[in-house]
Amino acid sequence: MNHSYFIYDERLDIHVPHLEQPFEDYHLSERLAIIETWEDARGRIPTKVKKLEREIERKLQKMNEEDDFEASCNLNGEIADLASRINDLHIWYRISQDEDSVPIKRYL
């Protein structure tokens, strides 16, 4: 992965685009490399979402069995955090791979 165009987002566990100049200012070969790298990272997002969904299911089951109110609140907070990560991953996943598209220029 070309790390000069991407940064690691620890919360999402993926490399996300981080460009130092507008996308259209990069040479065509650089733009194509950015898109190729992004598509590789983007392709892993559905697997990450499924993993987080399974974790939510486990925590929901545990919360249903939990009698302690404080522990239930903690589990609920953890579930909310996981759901937020899934939402953010979905947003990144929807970013287009087409170098001429508006979304890639805006978000990359």
PDB file of N, CA and C in Angstrom:
ATOM      1  N   MET A   1       0.841  -1.177   0.000  1.00  0.00           N
ATOM      2  CA  MET A   1       0.000   0.000   0.000  1.00  0.00           C
ATOM      3  C   MET A   1       0.885   1.238   0.000  1.00  0.00           C
ATOM      4  N   ASN A   2       0.580   2.172  -0.875  1.00  0.00           N
ATOM      5  CA  ASN A   2       1.349   3.407  -0.917  1.00  0.00           C
ATOM      6  C   ASN A   2       0.897   4.297   0.240  1.00  0.00           C
ATOM      7  N   HIS A   3       1.722   4.340   1.281  1.00  0.00           N
ATOM      8  CA  HIS A   3       1.333   5.031   2.500  1.00  0.00           C
ATOM      9  C   HIS A   3       1.358   6.547   2.374  1.00  0.00           C
ATOM     10  N   SER A   4       1.948   7.076   1.305  1.00  0.00           N
ATOM     11  CA  SER A   4       1.945   8.528   1.167  1.00  0.00           C
ATOM     12  C   SER A   4       0.560   9.048   0.790  1.00  0.00           C
ATOM     13  N   TYR A   5      -0.316   8.175   0.286  1.00  0.00           N
ATOM     14  CA  TYR A   5      -1.664   8.571  -0.091  1.00  0.00           C
ATOM     15  C   TYR A   5      -2.718   8.097   0.897  1.00  0.00           C
ATOM     16  N   PHE A   6      -2.316   7.307   1.878  1.00  0.00           N
ATOM     17  CA  PHE A   6      -3.258   6.704   2.811  1.00  0.00           C
ATOM     18  C   PHE A   6      -2.724   6.774   4.230  1.00  0.00           C
ATOM     19  N   ILE A   7      -3.650   6.830   5.178  1.00  0.00           N
ATOM     20  CA  ILE A   7      -3.290   6.747   6.593  1.00  0.00           C
ATOM     21  C   ILE A   7      -4.105   5.626   7.219  1.00  0.00           C
ATOM     22  N   TYR A   8      -3.541   5.029   8.230  1.00  0.00           N
ATOM     23  CA  TYR A   8      -4.219   3.930   8.914  1.00  0.00           C
ATOM     24  C   TYR A   8      -5.193   4.500   9.933  1.00  0.00           C
ATOM     25  N   ASP A   9      -6.446   4.089   9.836  1.00  0.00           N
ATOM     26  CA  ASP A   9      -7.469   4.466  10.802  1.00  0.00           C
ATOM     27  C   ASP A   9      -7.624   3.292  11.762  1.00  0.00           C
ATOM     28  N   GLU A  10      -7.076   3.448  12.942  1.00  0.00           N
ATOM     29  CA  GLU A  10      -7.068   2.362  13.920  1.00  0.00           C
ATOM     30  C   GLU A  10      -8.489   1.962  14.333  1.00  0.00           C
ATOM     31  N   ARG A  11      -9.370   2.931  14.459  1.00  0.00           N
ATOM     32  CA  ARG A  11     -10.748   2.651  14.858  1.00  0.00           C
ATOM     33  C   ARG A  11     -11.467   1.767  13.841  1.00  0.00           C
ATOM     34  N   LEU A  12     -11.216   2.017  12.555  1.00  0.00           N
ATOM     35  CA  LEU A  12     -11.862   1.254  11.494  1.00  0.00           C
ATOM     36  C   LEU A  12     -11.024   0.070  11.023  1.00  0.00           C
ATOM     37  N   ASP A  13      -9.759   0.059  11.396  1.00  0.00           N
ATOM     38  CA  ASP A  13      -8.826  -1.006  11.015  1.00  0.00           C
ATOM     39  C   ASP A  13      -8.653  -1.098   9.502  1.00  0.00           C
ATOM     40  N   ILE A  14      -8.582   0.066   8.853  1.00  0.00           N
ATOM     41  CA  ILE A  14      -8.302   0.126   7.414  1.00  0.00           C
ATOM     42  C   ILE A  14      -7.442   1.352   7.137  1.00  0.00           C
ATOM     43  N   HIS A  15      -6.793   1.328   5.984  1.00  0.00           N
ATOM     44  CA  HIS A  15      -6.099   2.510   5.490  1.00  0.00           C
ATOM     45  C   HIS A  15      -7.120   3.339   4.714  1.00  0.00           C
ATOM     46  N   VAL A  16      -7.194   4.615   5.025  1.00  0.00           N
ATOM     47  CA  VAL A  16      -8.132   5.499   4.338  1.00  0.00           C
ATOM     48  C   VAL A  16      -7.338   6.562   3.569  1.00  0.00           C
ATOM     49  N   PRO A  17      -7.925   7.064   2.496  1.00  0.00           N
ATOM     50  CA  PRO A  17      -7.231   8.070   1.691  1.00  0.00           C
ATOM     51  C   PRO A  17      -6.872   9.314   2.506  1.00  0.00           C
ATOM     52  N   HIS A  18      -5.688   9.824   2.229  1.00  0.00           N
ATOM     53  CA  HIS A  18      -5.207  11.056   2.870  1.00  0.00           C
ATOM     54  C   HIS A  18      -4.298  11.757   1.858  1.00  0.00           C
ATOM     55  N   LEU A  19      -4.921  12.576   1.037  1.00  0.00           N
ATOM     56  CA  LEU A  19      -4.169  13.229  -0.034  1.00  0.00           C
ATOM     57  C   LEU A  19      -3.707  14.608   0.403  1.00  0.00           C
ATOM     58  N   GLU A  20      -2.519  14.971  -0.028  1.00  0.00           N
ATOM     59  CA  GLU A  20      -1.934  16.256   0.330  1.00  0.00           C
ATOM     60  C   GLU A  20      -2.294  17.360  -0.642  1.00  0.00           C
ATOM     61  N   GLN A  21      -2.933  16.993  -1.746  1.00  0.00           N
ATOM     62  CA  GLN A  21      -3.358  17.980  -2.741  1.00  0.00           C
ATOM     63  C   GLN A  21      -4.642  17.481  -3.379  1.00  0.00           C
ATOM     64  N   PRO A  22      -5.347  18.329  -4.104  1.00  0.00           N
ATOM     65  CA  PRO A  22      -6.576  17.876  -4.769  1.00  0.00           C
ATOM     66  C   PRO A  22      -6.284  16.704  -5.694  1.00  0.00           C
ATOM     67  N   PHE A  23      -7.215  15.774  -5.729  1.00  0.00           N
ATOM     68  CA  PHE A  23      -7.052  14.544  -6.499  1.00  0.00           C
ATOM     69  C   PHE A  23      -6.670  14.832  -7.942  1.00  0.00           C
ATOM     70  N   GLU A  24      -7.330  15.807  -8.561  1.00  0.00           N
ATOM     71  CA  GLU A  24      -7.081  16.102  -9.975  1.00  0.00           C
ATOM     72  C   GLU A  24      -5.688  16.690 -10.224  1.00  0.00           C
ATOM     73  N   ASP A  25      -4.993  17.129  -9.169  1.00  0.00           N
ATOM     74  CA  ASP A  25      -3.639  17.663  -9.324  1.00  0.00           C
ATOM     75  C   ASP A  25      -2.577  16.561  -9.431  1.00  0.00           C
ATOM     76  N   TYR A  26      -2.950  15.348  -9.100  1.00  0.00           N
ATOM     77  CA  TYR A  26      -2.004  14.241  -9.231  1.00  0.00           C
ATOM     78  C   TYR A  26      -1.918  13.810 -10.689  1.00  0.00           C
ATOM     79  N   HIS A  27      -0.763  13.339 -11.066  1.00  0.00           N
ATOM     80  CA  HIS A  27      -0.556  12.808 -12.412  1.00  0.00           C
ATOM     81  C   HIS A  27      -1.482  11.604 -12.597  1.00  0.00           C
ATOM     82  N   LEU A  28      -1.884  11.363 -13.832  1.00  0.00           N
ATOM     83  CA  LEU A  28      -2.809  10.271 -14.124  1.00  0.00           C
ATOM     84  C   LEU A  28      -2.320   8.949 -13.550  1.00  0.00           C
ATOM     85  N   SER A  29      -1.041   8.650 -13.681  1.00  0.00           N
ATOM     86  CA  SER A  29      -0.523   7.373 -13.167  1.00  0.00           C
ATOM     87  C   SER A  29      -0.668   7.303 -11.644  1.00  0.00           C
ATOM     88  N   GLU A  30      -0.477   8.443 -10.962  1.00  0.00           N
ATOM     89  CA  GLU A  30      -0.665   8.469  -9.510  1.00  0.00           C
ATOM     90  C   GLU A  30      -2.137   8.265  -9.147  1.00  0.00           C
ATOM     91  N   ARG A  31      -3.019   8.931  -9.881  1.00  0.00           N
ATOM     92  CA  ARG A  31      -4.453   8.778  -9.618  1.00  0.00           C
ATOM     93  C   ARG A  31      -4.881   7.327  -9.801  1.00  0.00           C
ATOM     94  N   LEU A  32      -4.389   6.701 -10.853  1.00  0.00           N
ATOM     95  CA  LEU A  32      -4.732   5.302 -11.083  1.00  0.00           C
ATOM     96  C   LEU A  32      -4.184   4.405  -9.975  1.00  0.00           C
ATOM     97  N   ALA A  33      -2.981   4.699  -9.496  1.00  0.00           N
ATOM     98  CA  ALA A  33      -2.402   3.931  -8.395  1.00  0.00           C
ATOM     99  C   ALA A  33      -3.203   4.134  -7.112  1.00  0.00           C
ATOM    100  N   ILE A  34      -3.638   5.357  -6.879  1.00  0.00           N
ATOM    101  CA  ILE A  34      -4.461   5.649  -5.697  1.00  0.00           C
ATOM    102  C   ILE A  34      -5.770   4.863  -5.771  1.00  0.00           C
ATOM    103  N   ILE A  35      -6.396   4.895  -6.934  1.00  0.00           N
ATOM    104  CA  ILE A  35      -7.662   4.190  -7.110  1.00  0.00           C
ATOM    105  C   ILE A  35      -7.469   2.687  -6.933  1.00  0.00           C
ATOM    106  N   GLU A  36      -6.414   2.152  -7.508  1.00  0.00           N
ATOM    107  CA  GLU A  36      -6.153   0.713  -7.390  1.00  0.00           C
ATOM    108  C   GLU A  36      -5.936   0.320  -5.926  1.00  0.00           C
ATOM    109  N   THR A  37      -5.153   1.111  -5.232  1.00  0.00           N
ATOM    110  CA  THR A  37      -4.894   0.835  -3.817  1.00  0.00           C
ATOM    111  C   THR A  37      -6.172   0.964  -3.001  1.00  0.00           C
ATOM    112  N   TRP A  38      -6.960   2.009  -3.297  1.00  0.00           N
ATOM    113  CA  TRP A  38      -8.208   2.201  -2.572  1.00  0.00           C
ATOM    114  C   TRP A  38      -9.170   1.042  -2.831  1.00  0.00           C
ATOM    115  N   GLU A  39      -9.247   0.589  -4.058  1.00  0.00           N
ATOM    116  CA  GLU A  39     -10.153  -0.521  -4.373  1.00  0.00           C
ATOM    117  C   GLU A  39      -9.756  -1.786  -3.615  1.00  0.00           C
ATOM    118  N   ASP A  40      -8.470  -1.991  -3.438  1.00  0.00           N
ATOM    119  CA  ASP A  40      -8.000  -3.141  -2.669  1.00  0.00           C
ATOM    120  C   ASP A  40      -8.462  -3.019  -1.217  1.00  0.00           C
ATOM    121  N   ALA A  41      -8.256  -1.850  -0.625  1.00  0.00           N
ATOM    122  CA  ALA A  41      -8.681  -1.615   0.760  1.00  0.00           C
ATOM    123  C   ALA A  41     -10.206  -1.670   0.868  1.00  0.00           C
ATOM    124  N   ARG A  42     -10.870  -1.055  -0.074  1.00  0.00           N
ATOM    125  CA  ARG A  42     -12.339  -1.001  -0.101  1.00  0.00           C
ATOM    126  C   ARG A  42     -12.939  -2.400  -0.187  1.00  0.00           C
ATOM    127  N   GLY A  43     -12.292  -3.273  -0.919  1.00  0.00           N
ATOM    128  CA  GLY A  43     -12.781  -4.630  -1.078  1.00  0.00           C
ATOM    129  C   GLY A  43     -12.776  -5.442   0.209  1.00  0.00           C
ATOM    130  N   ARG A  44     -11.997  -5.017   1.185  1.00  0.00           N
ATOM    131  CA  ARG A  44     -11.941  -5.714   2.478  1.00  0.00           C
ATOM    132  C   ARG A  44     -13.021  -5.234   3.449  1.00  0.00           C
ATOM    133  N   ILE A  45     -13.680  -4.141   3.119  1.00  0.00           N
ATOM    134  CA  ILE A  45     -14.653  -3.554   4.044  1.00  0.00           C
ATOM    135  C   ILE A  45     -15.822  -4.494   4.356  1.00  0.00           C
ATOM    136  N   PRO A  46     -16.440  -5.161   3.381  1.00  0.00           N
ATOM    137  CA  PRO A  46     -17.565  -6.038   3.736  1.00  0.00           C
ATOM    138  C   PRO A  46     -17.205  -7.118   4.766  1.00  0.00           C
ATOM    139  N   THR A  47     -16.010  -7.659   4.683  1.00  0.00           N
ATOM    140  CA  THR A  47     -15.569  -8.663   5.655  1.00  0.00           C
ATOM    141  C   THR A  47     -15.441  -8.044   7.035  1.00  0.00           C
ATOM    142  N   LYS A  48     -14.916  -6.832   7.097  1.00  0.00           N
ATOM    143  CA  LYS A  48     -14.787  -6.142   8.380  1.00  0.00           C
ATOM    144  C   LYS A  48     -16.160  -5.842   8.972  1.00  0.00           C
ATOM    145  N   VAL A  49     -17.102  -5.444   8.126  1.00  0.00           N
ATOM    146  CA  VAL A  49     -18.465  -5.161   8.595  1.00  0.00           C
ATOM    147  C   VAL A  49     -19.097  -6.423   9.168  1.00  0.00           C
ATOM    148  N   LYS A  50     -18.959  -7.538   8.473  1.00  0.00           N
ATOM    149  CA  LYS A  50     -19.529  -8.800   8.965  1.00  0.00           C
ATOM    150  C   LYS A  50     -18.929  -9.193  10.308  1.00  0.00           C
ATOM    151  N   LYS A  51     -17.637  -8.992  10.459  1.00  0.00           N
ATOM    152  CA  LYS A  51     -16.978  -9.304  11.731  1.00  0.00           C
ATOM    153  C   LYS A  51     -17.546  -8.441  12.854  1.00  0.00           C
ATOM    154  N   LEU A  52     -17.730  -7.152  12.590  1.00  0.00           N
ATOM    155  CA  LEU A  52     -18.292  -6.251  13.600  1.00  0.00           C
ATOM    156  C   LEU A  52     -19.747  -6.614  13.905  1.00  0.00           C
ATOM    157  N   GLU A  53     -20.499  -7.008  12.889  1.00  0.00           N
ATOM    158  CA  GLU A  53     -21.891  -7.421  13.104  1.00  0.00           C
ATOM    159  C   GLU A  53     -21.961  -8.657  14.000  1.00  0.00           C
ATOM    160  N   ARG A  54     -21.061  -9.600  13.800  1.00  0.00           N
ATOM    161  CA  ARG A  54     -21.026 -10.794  14.658  1.00  0.00           C
ATOM    162  C   ARG A  54     -20.691 -10.408  16.099  1.00  0.00           C
ATOM    163  N   GLU A  55     -19.794  -9.448  16.244  1.00  0.00           N
ATOM    164  CA  GLU A  55     -19.428  -8.983  17.586  1.00  0.00           C
ATOM    165  C   GLU A  55     -20.628  -8.301  18.253  1.00  0.00           C
ATOM    166  N   ILE A  56     -21.381  -7.526  17.495  1.00  0.00           N
ATOM    167  CA  ILE A  56     -22.593  -6.901  18.034  1.00  0.00           C
ATOM    168  C   ILE A  56     -23.577  -7.973  18.484  1.00  0.00           C
ATOM    169  N   GLU A  57     -23.766  -8.995  17.672  1.00  0.00           N
ATOM    170  CA  GLU A  57     -24.686 -10.085  18.030  1.00  0.00           C
ATOM    171  C   GLU A  57     -24.270 -10.759  19.331  1.00  0.00           C
ATOM    172  N   ARG A  58     -22.958 -10.990  19.501  1.00  0.00           N
ATOM    173  CA  ARG A  58     -22.471 -11.602  20.749  1.00  0.00           C
ATOM    174  C   ARG A  58     -22.745 -10.689  21.943  1.00  0.00           C
ATOM    175  N   LYS A  59     -22.499  -9.407  21.754  1.00  0.00           N
ATOM    176  CA  LYS A  59     -22.717  -8.465  22.858  1.00  0.00           C
ATOM    177  C   LYS A  59     -24.208  -8.308  23.172  1.00  0.00           C
ATOM    178  N   LEU A  60     -25.054  -8.344  22.149  1.00  0.00           N
ATOM    179  CA  LEU A  60     -26.497  -8.275  22.392  1.00  0.00           C
ATOM    180  C   LEU A  60     -26.966  -9.493  23.189  1.00  0.00           C
ATOM    181  N   GLN A  61     -26.456 -10.657  22.829  1.00  0.00           N
ATOM    182  CA  GLN A  61     -26.805 -11.874  23.569  1.00  0.00           C
ATOM    183  C   GLN A  61     -26.357 -11.751  25.019  1.00  0.00           C
ATOM    184  N   LYS A  62     -25.141 -11.277  25.201  1.00  0.00           N
ATOM    185  CA  LYS A  62     -24.609 -11.112  26.559  1.00  0.00           C
ATOM    186  C   LYS A  62     -25.440 -10.079  27.325  1.00  0.00           C
ATOM    187  N   MET A  63     -25.835  -9.001  26.656  1.00  0.00           N
ATOM    188  CA  MET A  63     -26.635  -7.968  27.308  1.00  0.00           C
ATOM    189  C   MET A  63     -28.005  -8.518  27.717  1.00  0.00           C
ATOM    190  N   ASN A  64     -28.596  -9.371  26.880  1.00  0.00           N
ATOM    191  CA  ASN A  64     -29.889  -9.975  27.201  1.00  0.00           C
ATOM    192  C   ASN A  64     -29.814 -10.861  28.437  1.00  0.00           C
ATOM    193  N   GLU A  65     -28.641 -11.407  28.691  1.00  0.00           N
ATOM    194  CA  GLU A  65     -28.455 -12.294  29.847  1.00  0.00           C
ATOM    195  C   GLU A  65     -27.928 -11.552  31.072  1.00  0.00           C
ATOM    196  N   GLU A  66     -27.582 -10.292  30.898  1.00  0.00           N
ATOM    197  CA  GLU A  66     -26.954  -9.523  31.976  1.00  0.00           C
ATOM    198  C   GLU A  66     -28.009  -8.977  32.939  1.00  0.00           C
ATOM    199  N   ASP A  67     -27.770  -9.188  34.230  1.00  0.00           N
ATOM    200  CA  ASP A  67     -28.680  -8.685  35.262  1.00  0.00           C
ATOM    201  C   ASP A  67     -28.201  -7.366  35.861  1.00  0.00           C
ATOM    202  N   ASP A  68     -26.915  -7.102  35.763  1.00  0.00           N
ATOM    203  CA  ASP A  68     -26.343  -5.891  36.347  1.00  0.00           C
ATOM    204  C   ASP A  68     -26.571  -4.701  35.411  1.00  0.00           C
ATOM    205  N   PHE A  69     -27.228  -3.667  35.922  1.00  0.00           N
ATOM    206  CA  PHE A  69     -27.578  -2.505  35.102  1.00  0.00           C
ATOM    207  C   PHE A  69     -26.341  -1.809  34.535  1.00  0.00           C
ATOM    208  N   GLU A  70     -25.337  -1.609  35.369  1.00  0.00           N
ATOM    209  CA  GLU A  70     -24.117  -0.923  34.913  1.00  0.00           C
ATOM    210  C   GLU A  70     -23.415  -1.724  33.821  1.00  0.00           C
ATOM    211  N   ALA A  71     -23.345  -3.018  33.990  1.00  0.00           N
ATOM    212  CA  ALA A  71     -22.734  -3.869  32.972  1.00  0.00           C
ATOM    213  C   ALA A  71     -23.537  -3.805  31.668  1.00  0.00           C
ATOM    214  N   SER A  72     -24.864  -3.764  31.785  1.00  0.00           N
ATOM    215  CA  SER A  72     -25.718  -3.641  30.595  1.00  0.00           C
ATOM    216  C   SER A  72     -25.465  -2.320  29.880  1.00  0.00           C
ATOM    217  N   CYS A  73     -25.313  -1.266  30.653  1.00  0.00           N
ATOM    218  CA  CYS A  73     -25.022   0.051  30.056  1.00  0.00           C
ATOM    219  C   CYS A  73     -23.684   0.038  29.337  1.00  0.00           C
ATOM    220  N   ASN A  74     -22.690  -0.604  29.932  1.00  0.00           N
ATOM    221  CA  ASN A  74     -21.374  -0.703  29.290  1.00  0.00           C
ATOM    222  C   ASN A  74     -21.465  -1.478  27.980  1.00  0.00           C
ATOM    223  N   LEU A  75     -22.188  -2.583  27.999  1.00  0.00           N
ATOM    224  CA  LEU A  75     -22.364  -3.367  26.776  1.00  0.00           C
ATOM    225  C   LEU A  75     -23.096  -2.559  25.714  1.00  0.00           C
ATOM    226  N   ASN A  76     -24.104  -1.809  26.145  1.00  0.00           N
ATOM    227  CA  ASN A  76     -24.848  -0.968  25.199  1.00  0.00           C
ATOM    228  C   ASN A  76     -23.931   0.075  24.557  1.00  0.00           C
ATOM    229  N   GLY A  77     -23.042   0.655  25.334  1.00  0.00           N
ATOM    230  CA  GLY A  77     -22.077   1.617  24.802  1.00  0.00           C
ATOM    231  C   GLY A  77     -21.121   0.970  23.808  1.00  0.00           C
ATOM    232  N   GLU A  78     -20.687  -0.250  24.124  1.00  0.00           N
ATOM    233  CA  GLU A  78     -19.802  -0.980  23.211  1.00  0.00           C
ATOM    234  C   GLU A  78     -20.525  -1.303  21.905  1.00  0.00           C
ATOM    235  N   ILE A  79     -21.784  -1.672  22.005  1.00  0.00           N
ATOM    236  CA  ILE A  79     -22.582  -1.966  20.812  1.00  0.00           C
ATOM    237  C   ILE A  79     -22.745  -0.712  19.965  1.00  0.00           C
ATOM    238  N   ALA A  80     -22.997   0.423  20.610  1.00  0.00           N
ATOM    239  CA  ALA A  80     -23.142   1.687  19.879  1.00  0.00           C
ATOM    240  C   ALA A  80     -21.848   2.043  19.152  1.00  0.00           C
ATOM    241  N   ASP A  81     -20.716   1.808  19.804  1.00  0.00           N
ATOM    242  CA  ASP A  81     -19.420   2.085  19.165  1.00  0.00           C
ATOM    243  C   ASP A  81     -19.213   1.191  17.940  1.00  0.00           C
ATOM    244  N   LEU A  82     -19.531  -0.077  18.076  1.00  0.00           N
ATOM    245  CA  LEU A  82     -19.390  -1.005  16.941  1.00  0.00           C
ATOM    246  C   LEU A  82     -20.313  -0.604  15.791  1.00  0.00           C
ATOM    247  N   ALA A  83     -21.537  -0.214  16.130  1.00  0.00           N
ATOM    248  CA  ALA A  83     -22.490   0.220  15.091  1.00  0.00           C
ATOM    249  C   ALA A  83     -21.985   1.477  14.394  1.00  0.00           C
ATOM    250  N   SER A  84     -21.360   2.376  15.139  1.00  0.00           N
ATOM    251  CA  SER A  84     -20.797   3.586  14.554  1.00  0.00           C
ATOM    252  C   SER A  84     -19.661   3.249  13.584  1.00  0.00           C
ATOM    253  N   ARG A  85     -18.854   2.278  13.949  1.00  0.00           N
ATOM    254  CA  ARG A  85     -17.772   1.834  13.062  1.00  0.00           C
ATOM    255  C   ARG A  85     -18.339   1.255  11.771  1.00  0.00           C
ATOM    256  N   ILE A  86     -19.388   0.447  11.908  1.00  0.00           N
ATOM    257  CA  ILE A  86     -20.026  -0.125  10.721  1.00  0.00           C
ATOM    258  C   ILE A  86     -20.548   0.984   9.823  1.00  0.00           C
ATOM    259  N   ASN A  87     -21.188   1.976  10.409  1.00  0.00           N
ATOM    260  CA  ASN A  87     -21.696   3.101   9.622  1.00  0.00           C
ATOM    261  C   ASN A  87     -20.562   3.809   8.880  1.00  0.00           C
ATOM    262  N   ASP A  88     -19.472   4.076   9.568  1.00  0.00           N
ATOM    263  CA  ASP A  88     -18.332   4.748   8.931  1.00  0.00           C
ATOM    264  C   ASP A  88     -17.727   3.888   7.823  1.00  0.00           C
ATOM    265  N   LEU A  89     -17.647   2.588   8.040  1.00  0.00           N
ATOM    266  CA  LEU A  89     -17.134   1.694   6.996  1.00  0.00           C
ATOM    267  C   LEU A  89     -18.057   1.699   5.776  1.00  0.00           C
ATOM    268  N   HIS A  90     -19.361   1.739   6.010  1.00  0.00           N
ATOM    269  CA  HIS A  90     -20.296   1.815   4.883  1.00  0.00           C
ATOM    270  C   HIS A  90     -20.098   3.102   4.084  1.00  0.00           C
ATOM    271  N   ILE A  91     -19.857   4.191   4.773  1.00  0.00           N
ATOM    272  CA  ILE A  91     -19.609   5.464   4.082  1.00  0.00           C
ATOM    273  C   ILE A  91     -18.354   5.348   3.216  1.00  0.00           C
ATOM    274  N   TRP A  92     -17.269   4.827   3.778  1.00  0.00           N
ATOM    275  CA  TRP A  92     -16.050   4.659   3.000  1.00  0.00           C
ATOM    276  C   TRP A  92     -16.266   3.694   1.841  1.00  0.00           C
ATOM    277  N   TYR A  93     -17.050   2.652   2.055  1.00  0.00           N
ATOM    278  CA  TYR A  93     -17.275   1.670   0.998  1.00  0.00           C
ATOM    279  C   TYR A  93     -17.984   2.279  -0.205  1.00  0.00           C
ATOM    280  N   ARG A  94     -18.871   3.223   0.047  1.00  0.00           N
ATOM    281  CA  ARG A  94     -19.648   3.823  -1.041  1.00  0.00           C
ATOM    282  C   ARG A  94     -18.850   4.819  -1.877  1.00  0.00           C
ATOM    283  N   ILE A  95     -17.661   5.162  -1.453  1.00  0.00           N
ATOM    284  CA  ILE A  95     -16.850   6.088  -2.236  1.00  0.00           C
ATOM    285  C   ILE A  95     -16.441   5.400  -3.530  1.00  0.00           C
ATOM    286  N   SER A  96     -16.717   6.051  -4.618  1.00  0.00           N
ATOM    287  CA  SER A  96     -16.521   5.475  -5.948  1.00  0.00           C
ATOM    288  C   SER A  96     -15.053   5.269  -6.277  1.00  0.00           C
ATOM    289  N   GLN A  97     -14.821   4.265  -7.102  1.00  0.00           N
ATOM    290  CA  GLN A  97     -13.473   3.970  -7.561  1.00  0.00           C
ATOM    291  C   GLN A  97     -13.137   4.665  -8.872  1.00  0.00           C
ATOM    292  N   ASP A  98     -14.082   5.337  -9.476  1.00  0.00           N
ATOM    293  CA  ASP A  98     -13.881   6.000 -10.768  1.00  0.00           C
ATOM    294  C   ASP A  98     -13.160   7.325 -10.554  1.00  0.00           C
ATOM    295  N   GLU A  99     -11.968   7.473 -11.161  1.00  0.00           N
ATOM    296  CA  GLU A  99     -11.181   8.684 -10.895  1.00  0.00           C
ATOM    297  C   GLU A  99     -11.841   9.952 -11.390  1.00  0.00           C
ATOM    298  N   ASP A 100     -12.832   9.854 -12.261  1.00  0.00           N
ATOM    299  CA  ASP A 100     -13.518  11.044 -12.746  1.00  0.00           C
ATOM    300  C   ASP A 100     -14.771  11.373 -11.939  1.00  0.00           C
ATOM    301  N   SER A 101     -15.064  10.578 -10.929  1.00  0.00           N
ATOM    302  CA  SER A 101     -16.295  10.798 -10.184  1.00  0.00           C
ATOM    303  C   SER A 101     -16.111  11.893  -9.146  1.00  0.00           C
ATOM    304  N   VAL A 102     -17.189  12.554  -8.826  1.00  0.00           N
ATOM    305  CA  VAL A 102     -17.157  13.613  -7.814  1.00  0.00           C
ATOM    306  C   VAL A 102     -16.823  13.052  -6.440  1.00  0.00           C
ATOM    307  N   PRO A 103     -17.420  11.916  -5.999  1.00  0.00           N
ATOM    308  CA  PRO A 103     -17.133  11.455  -4.655  1.00  0.00           C
ATOM    309  C   PRO A 103     -15.648  11.192  -4.373  1.00  0.00           C
ATOM    310  N   ILE A 104     -14.951  10.582  -5.311  1.00  0.00           N
ATOM    311  CA  ILE A 104     -13.542  10.297  -5.042  1.00  0.00           C
ATOM    312  C   ILE A 104     -12.750  11.586  -4.943  1.00  0.00           C
ATOM    313  N   LYS A 105     -13.069  12.579  -5.718  1.00  0.00           N
ATOM    314  CA  LYS A 105     -12.373  13.855  -5.636  1.00  0.00           C
ATOM    315  C   LYS A 105     -12.675  14.542  -4.311  1.00  0.00           C
ATOM    316  N   ARG A 106     -13.914  14.427  -3.870  1.00  0.00           N
ATOM    317  CA  ARG A 106     -14.310  15.110  -2.649  1.00  0.00           C
ATOM    318  C   ARG A 106     -13.743  14.417  -1.426  1.00  0.00           C
ATOM    319  N   TYR A 107     -13.791  13.085  -1.362  1.00  0.00           N
ATOM    320  CA  TYR A 107     -13.383  12.365  -0.163  1.00  0.00           C
ATOM    321  C   TYR A 107     -11.934  11.955  -0.158  1.00  0.00           C
ATOM    322  N   LEU A 108     -11.367  11.786  -1.315  1.00  0.00           N
ATOM    323  CA  LEU A 108      -9.949  11.451  -1.353  1.00  0.00           C
ATOM    324  C   LEU A 108      -9.177  12.746  -1.312  1.00  0.00           C
TER     325      LEU A 108
END
